[in-house]
Amino acid sequence: MFPTKQHLAMARTLGVAIVATLGLAACATYDDEFAGINSRLDQLDTKVQGAAQSAESANQSAQQANQRLDQMESRVQQLETKPSRPPRG
């Protein structure tokens, strides 16, 4: 049996369908990989945001501690420059 134009057209159509199916299967694989990568990126983003909040909190605490140290330093300087009192007794 010799291939006719109809047989060749059918074979061409089937070939295109097979290639398209394989292409879609590859896309599904990439979709899974992209979903996994996006999930990991979301986890990292959450960790980075948590670290940024912790850093901001630590920065505020350090600023408050520095203010207290500055106040204590000025009080110490006042005490050091104050004239000494004569000892009692």
N, C-alpha and C. Protein backbone atom coordinates (compact mmCIF):
# COMPACT_ATOMS: atom_id res chain seq x y z
N MET A 1 0.84 -1.16 0.00
CA MET A 1 0.00 0.00 0.00
C MET A 1 0.89 1.24 0.00
N PHE A 2 0.64 2.11 -0.94
CA PHE A 2 1.44 3.31 -1.09
C PHE A 2 0.84 4.43 -0.27
N PRO A 3 1.69 5.26 0.37
CA PRO A 3 1.14 6.38 1.14
C PRO A 3 0.50 7.41 0.22
N THR A 4 -0.65 7.84 0.58
CA THR A 4 -1.36 8.85 -0.20
C THR A 4 -1.19 10.20 0.48
N LYS A 5 -1.67 11.23 -0.19
CA LYS A 5 -1.59 12.56 0.40
C LYS A 5 -2.35 12.61 1.73
N GLN A 6 -3.44 11.87 1.81
CA GLN A 6 -4.23 11.85 3.04
C GLN A 6 -3.42 11.20 4.16
N HIS A 7 -2.72 10.08 3.83
CA HIS A 7 -1.89 9.42 4.83
C HIS A 7 -0.74 10.32 5.30
N LEU A 8 -0.11 11.02 4.36
CA LEU A 8 0.99 11.91 4.71
C LEU A 8 0.50 13.07 5.58
N ALA A 9 -0.68 13.61 5.24
CA ALA A 9 -1.24 14.71 6.04
C ALA A 9 -1.56 14.22 7.45
N MET A 10 -2.10 13.01 7.56
CA MET A 10 -2.43 12.44 8.87
C MET A 10 -1.15 12.22 9.68
N ALA A 11 -0.12 11.71 9.03
CA ALA A 11 1.16 11.47 9.72
C ALA A 11 1.76 12.78 10.19
N ARG A 12 1.70 13.81 9.34
CA ARG A 12 2.22 15.12 9.71
C ARG A 12 1.45 15.68 10.92
N THR A 13 0.13 15.54 10.90
CA THR A 13 -0.71 16.02 12.00
C THR A 13 -0.37 15.29 13.29
N LEU A 14 -0.21 13.98 13.20
CA LEU A 14 0.15 13.20 14.39
C LEU A 14 1.53 13.60 14.90
N GLY A 15 2.45 13.84 13.99
CA GLY A 15 3.79 14.29 14.40
C GLY A 15 3.74 15.60 15.14
N VAL A 16 2.98 16.54 14.60
CA VAL A 16 2.83 17.85 15.27
C VAL A 16 2.18 17.66 16.64
N ALA A 17 1.17 16.81 16.73
CA ALA A 17 0.49 16.57 18.01
C ALA A 17 1.44 15.96 19.03
N ILE A 18 2.29 15.02 18.58
CA ILE A 18 3.25 14.39 19.50
C ILE A 18 4.26 15.42 20.00
N VAL A 19 4.78 16.23 19.09
CA VAL A 19 5.75 17.27 19.49
C VAL A 19 5.09 18.25 20.45
N ALA A 20 3.86 18.64 20.17
CA ALA A 20 3.15 19.58 21.04
C ALA A 20 2.93 18.96 22.42
N THR A 21 2.58 17.69 22.48
CA THR A 21 2.36 17.01 23.75
C THR A 21 3.64 16.95 24.55
N LEU A 22 4.73 16.61 23.88
CA LEU A 22 6.02 16.56 24.58
C LEU A 22 6.42 17.95 25.07
N GLY A 23 6.15 18.95 24.26
CA GLY A 23 6.45 20.33 24.67
C GLY A 23 5.64 20.73 25.89
N LEU A 24 4.38 20.36 25.92
CA LEU A 24 3.54 20.67 27.09
C LEU A 24 4.01 19.91 28.33
N ALA A 25 4.45 18.68 28.13
CA ALA A 25 4.96 17.90 29.26
C ALA A 25 6.22 18.56 29.82
N ALA A 26 7.07 19.07 28.93
CA ALA A 26 8.27 19.77 29.38
C ALA A 26 7.89 21.04 30.12
N CYS A 27 6.86 21.74 29.65
CA CYS A 27 6.40 22.95 30.35
C CYS A 27 5.91 22.60 31.74
N ALA A 28 5.21 21.49 31.88
CA ALA A 28 4.73 21.07 33.19
C ALA A 28 5.90 20.81 34.12
N THR A 29 6.96 20.20 33.58
CA THR A 29 8.15 19.97 34.39
C THR A 29 8.76 21.29 34.83
N TYR A 30 8.86 22.24 33.89
CA TYR A 30 9.39 23.55 34.25
C TYR A 30 8.49 24.26 35.25
N ASP A 31 7.18 24.11 35.09
CA ASP A 31 6.24 24.71 36.04
C ASP A 31 6.50 24.19 37.44
N ASP A 32 6.75 22.88 37.57
CA ASP A 32 7.04 22.30 38.88
C ASP A 32 8.35 22.88 39.44
N GLU A 33 9.34 23.01 38.56
CA GLU A 33 10.62 23.56 39.02
C GLU A 33 10.47 25.01 39.43
N PHE A 34 9.74 25.78 38.64
CA PHE A 34 9.51 27.18 38.99
C PHE A 34 8.73 27.30 40.29
N ALA A 35 7.75 26.43 40.49
CA ALA A 35 6.98 26.45 41.74
C ALA A 35 7.89 26.16 42.93
N GLY A 36 8.79 25.20 42.78
CA GLY A 36 9.73 24.89 43.85
C GLY A 36 10.67 26.05 44.14
N ILE A 37 11.17 26.68 43.07
CA ILE A 37 12.07 27.83 43.24
C ILE A 37 11.32 28.98 43.90
N ASN A 38 10.09 29.24 43.45
CA ASN A 38 9.30 30.32 44.04
C ASN A 38 9.03 30.06 45.51
N SER A 39 8.78 28.82 45.86
CA SER A 39 8.55 28.47 47.26
C SER A 39 9.79 28.75 48.10
N ARG A 40 10.94 28.37 47.57
CA ARG A 40 12.19 28.62 48.30
C ARG A 40 12.46 30.11 48.43
N LEU A 41 12.17 30.86 47.37
CA LEU A 41 12.35 32.31 47.43
C LEU A 41 11.42 32.94 48.46
N ASP A 42 10.18 32.45 48.53
CA ASP A 42 9.24 32.96 49.53
C ASP A 42 9.76 32.69 50.95
N GLN A 43 10.31 31.50 51.16
CA GLN A 43 10.86 31.16 52.48
C GLN A 43 12.03 32.07 52.82
N LEU A 44 12.90 32.30 51.84
CA LEU A 44 14.04 33.19 52.08
C LEU A 44 13.58 34.61 52.35
N ASP A 45 12.57 35.06 51.63
CA ASP A 45 12.04 36.41 51.84
C ASP A 45 11.49 36.56 53.25
N THR A 46 10.80 35.53 53.73
CA THR A 46 10.27 35.56 55.09
C THR A 46 11.41 35.64 56.11
N LYS A 47 12.45 34.85 55.89
CA LYS A 47 13.60 34.89 56.80
C LYS A 47 14.29 36.25 56.78
N VAL A 48 14.43 36.82 55.59
CA VAL A 48 15.09 38.13 55.48
C VAL A 48 14.27 39.20 56.19
N GLN A 49 12.96 39.15 56.02
CA GLN A 49 12.11 40.12 56.71
C GLN A 49 12.22 39.98 58.22
N GLY A 50 12.26 38.74 58.70
CA GLY A 50 12.43 38.51 60.14
C GLY A 50 13.76 39.03 60.63
N ALA A 51 14.81 38.79 59.85
CA ALA A 51 16.14 39.28 60.23
C ALA A 51 16.18 40.81 60.23
N ALA A 52 15.51 41.43 59.27
CA ALA A 52 15.47 42.89 59.21
C ALA A 52 14.74 43.46 60.42
N GLN A 53 13.66 42.82 60.83
CA GLN A 53 12.94 43.28 62.01
C GLN A 53 13.79 43.12 63.26
N SER A 54 14.50 42.01 63.37
CA SER A 54 15.38 41.79 64.51
C SER A 54 16.49 42.83 64.54
N ALA A 55 17.05 43.12 63.38
CA ALA A 55 18.12 44.12 63.30
C ALA A 55 17.60 45.49 63.69
N GLU A 56 16.40 45.83 63.25
CA GLU A 56 15.82 47.13 63.61
C GLU A 56 15.60 47.22 65.11
N SER A 57 15.10 46.16 65.70
CA SER A 57 14.88 46.13 67.15
C SER A 57 16.20 46.26 67.90
N ALA A 58 17.22 45.55 67.45
CA ALA A 58 18.54 45.63 68.09
C ALA A 58 19.11 47.04 67.94
N ASN A 59 18.89 47.66 66.79
CA ASN A 59 19.38 49.02 66.57
C ASN A 59 18.72 50.00 67.53
N GLN A 60 17.41 49.86 67.71
CA GLN A 60 16.71 50.75 68.65
C GLN A 60 17.22 50.55 70.08
N SER A 61 17.43 49.29 70.46
CA SER A 61 17.95 49.02 71.80
C SER A 61 19.34 49.61 71.97
N ALA A 62 20.16 49.51 70.96
CA ALA A 62 21.51 50.07 71.03
C ALA A 62 21.47 51.59 71.14
N GLN A 63 20.56 52.22 70.42
CA GLN A 63 20.43 53.68 70.51
C GLN A 63 20.01 54.11 71.91
N GLN A 64 19.06 53.38 72.50
CA GLN A 64 18.63 53.69 73.86
C GLN A 64 19.77 53.51 74.85
N ALA A 65 20.55 52.44 74.68
CA ALA A 65 21.69 52.20 75.56
C ALA A 65 22.72 53.31 75.40
N ASN A 66 22.95 53.76 74.19
CA ASN A 66 23.90 54.86 73.97
C ASN A 66 23.43 56.15 74.62
N GLN A 67 22.12 56.41 74.58
CA GLN A 67 21.59 57.61 75.23
C GLN A 67 21.81 57.53 76.74
N ARG A 68 21.57 56.35 77.31
CA ARG A 68 21.79 56.19 78.75
C ARG A 68 23.27 56.37 79.10
N LEU A 69 24.15 55.83 78.27
CA LEU A 69 25.58 56.00 78.51
C LEU A 69 26.00 57.47 78.41
N ASP A 70 25.44 58.18 77.45
CA ASP A 70 25.75 59.61 77.33
C ASP A 70 25.30 60.37 78.59
N GLN A 71 24.13 60.03 79.12
CA GLN A 71 23.65 60.68 80.33
C GLN A 71 24.57 60.37 81.51
N MET A 72 24.98 59.11 81.61
CA MET A 72 25.87 58.72 82.70
C MET A 72 27.23 59.40 82.55
N GLU A 73 27.72 59.53 81.34
CA GLU A 73 29.01 60.17 81.10
C GLU A 73 28.99 61.62 81.54
N SER A 74 27.91 62.33 81.23
CA SER A 74 27.84 63.73 81.65
C SER A 74 27.78 63.84 83.17
N ARG A 75 27.08 62.91 83.82
CA ARG A 75 27.00 62.92 85.29
C ARG A 75 28.37 62.60 85.90
N VAL A 76 29.09 61.67 85.33
CA VAL A 76 30.43 61.33 85.82
C VAL A 76 31.36 62.53 85.66
N GLN A 77 31.27 63.22 84.54
CA GLN A 77 32.13 64.40 84.33
C GLN A 77 31.81 65.49 85.35
N GLN A 78 30.52 65.66 85.66
CA GLN A 78 30.15 66.65 86.68
C GLN A 78 30.77 66.28 88.02
N LEU A 79 30.69 65.02 88.38
CA LEU A 79 31.23 64.59 89.66
C LEU A 79 32.76 64.72 89.69
N GLU A 80 33.41 64.45 88.60
CA GLU A 80 34.86 64.54 88.55
C GLU A 80 35.35 65.98 88.61
N THR A 81 34.59 66.92 88.05
CA THR A 81 35.02 68.32 88.04
C THR A 81 34.56 69.08 89.28
N LYS A 82 33.71 68.50 90.05
CA LYS A 82 33.21 69.15 91.27
C LYS A 82 34.36 69.29 92.27
N PRO A 83 34.47 70.44 92.90
CA PRO A 83 35.55 70.56 93.89
C PRO A 83 35.38 69.55 95.03
N SER A 84 36.47 69.03 95.47
CA SER A 84 36.40 68.04 96.53
C SER A 84 36.06 68.68 97.86
N ARG A 85 35.36 67.92 98.68
CA ARG A 85 35.00 68.42 100.01
C ARG A 85 36.09 67.99 101.00
N PRO A 86 36.26 68.81 101.98
CA PRO A 86 37.23 68.40 103.00
C PRO A 86 36.69 67.21 103.80
N PRO A 87 37.53 66.32 104.17
CA PRO A 87 37.06 65.17 104.93
C PRO A 87 36.51 65.57 106.29
N ARG A 88 35.53 64.81 106.73
CA ARG A 88 34.95 65.08 108.06
C ARG A 88 35.83 64.45 109.13
N GLY A 89 35.77 65.06 110.25
CA GLY A 89 36.32 64.45 111.42
C GLY A 89 37.68 64.68 111.73
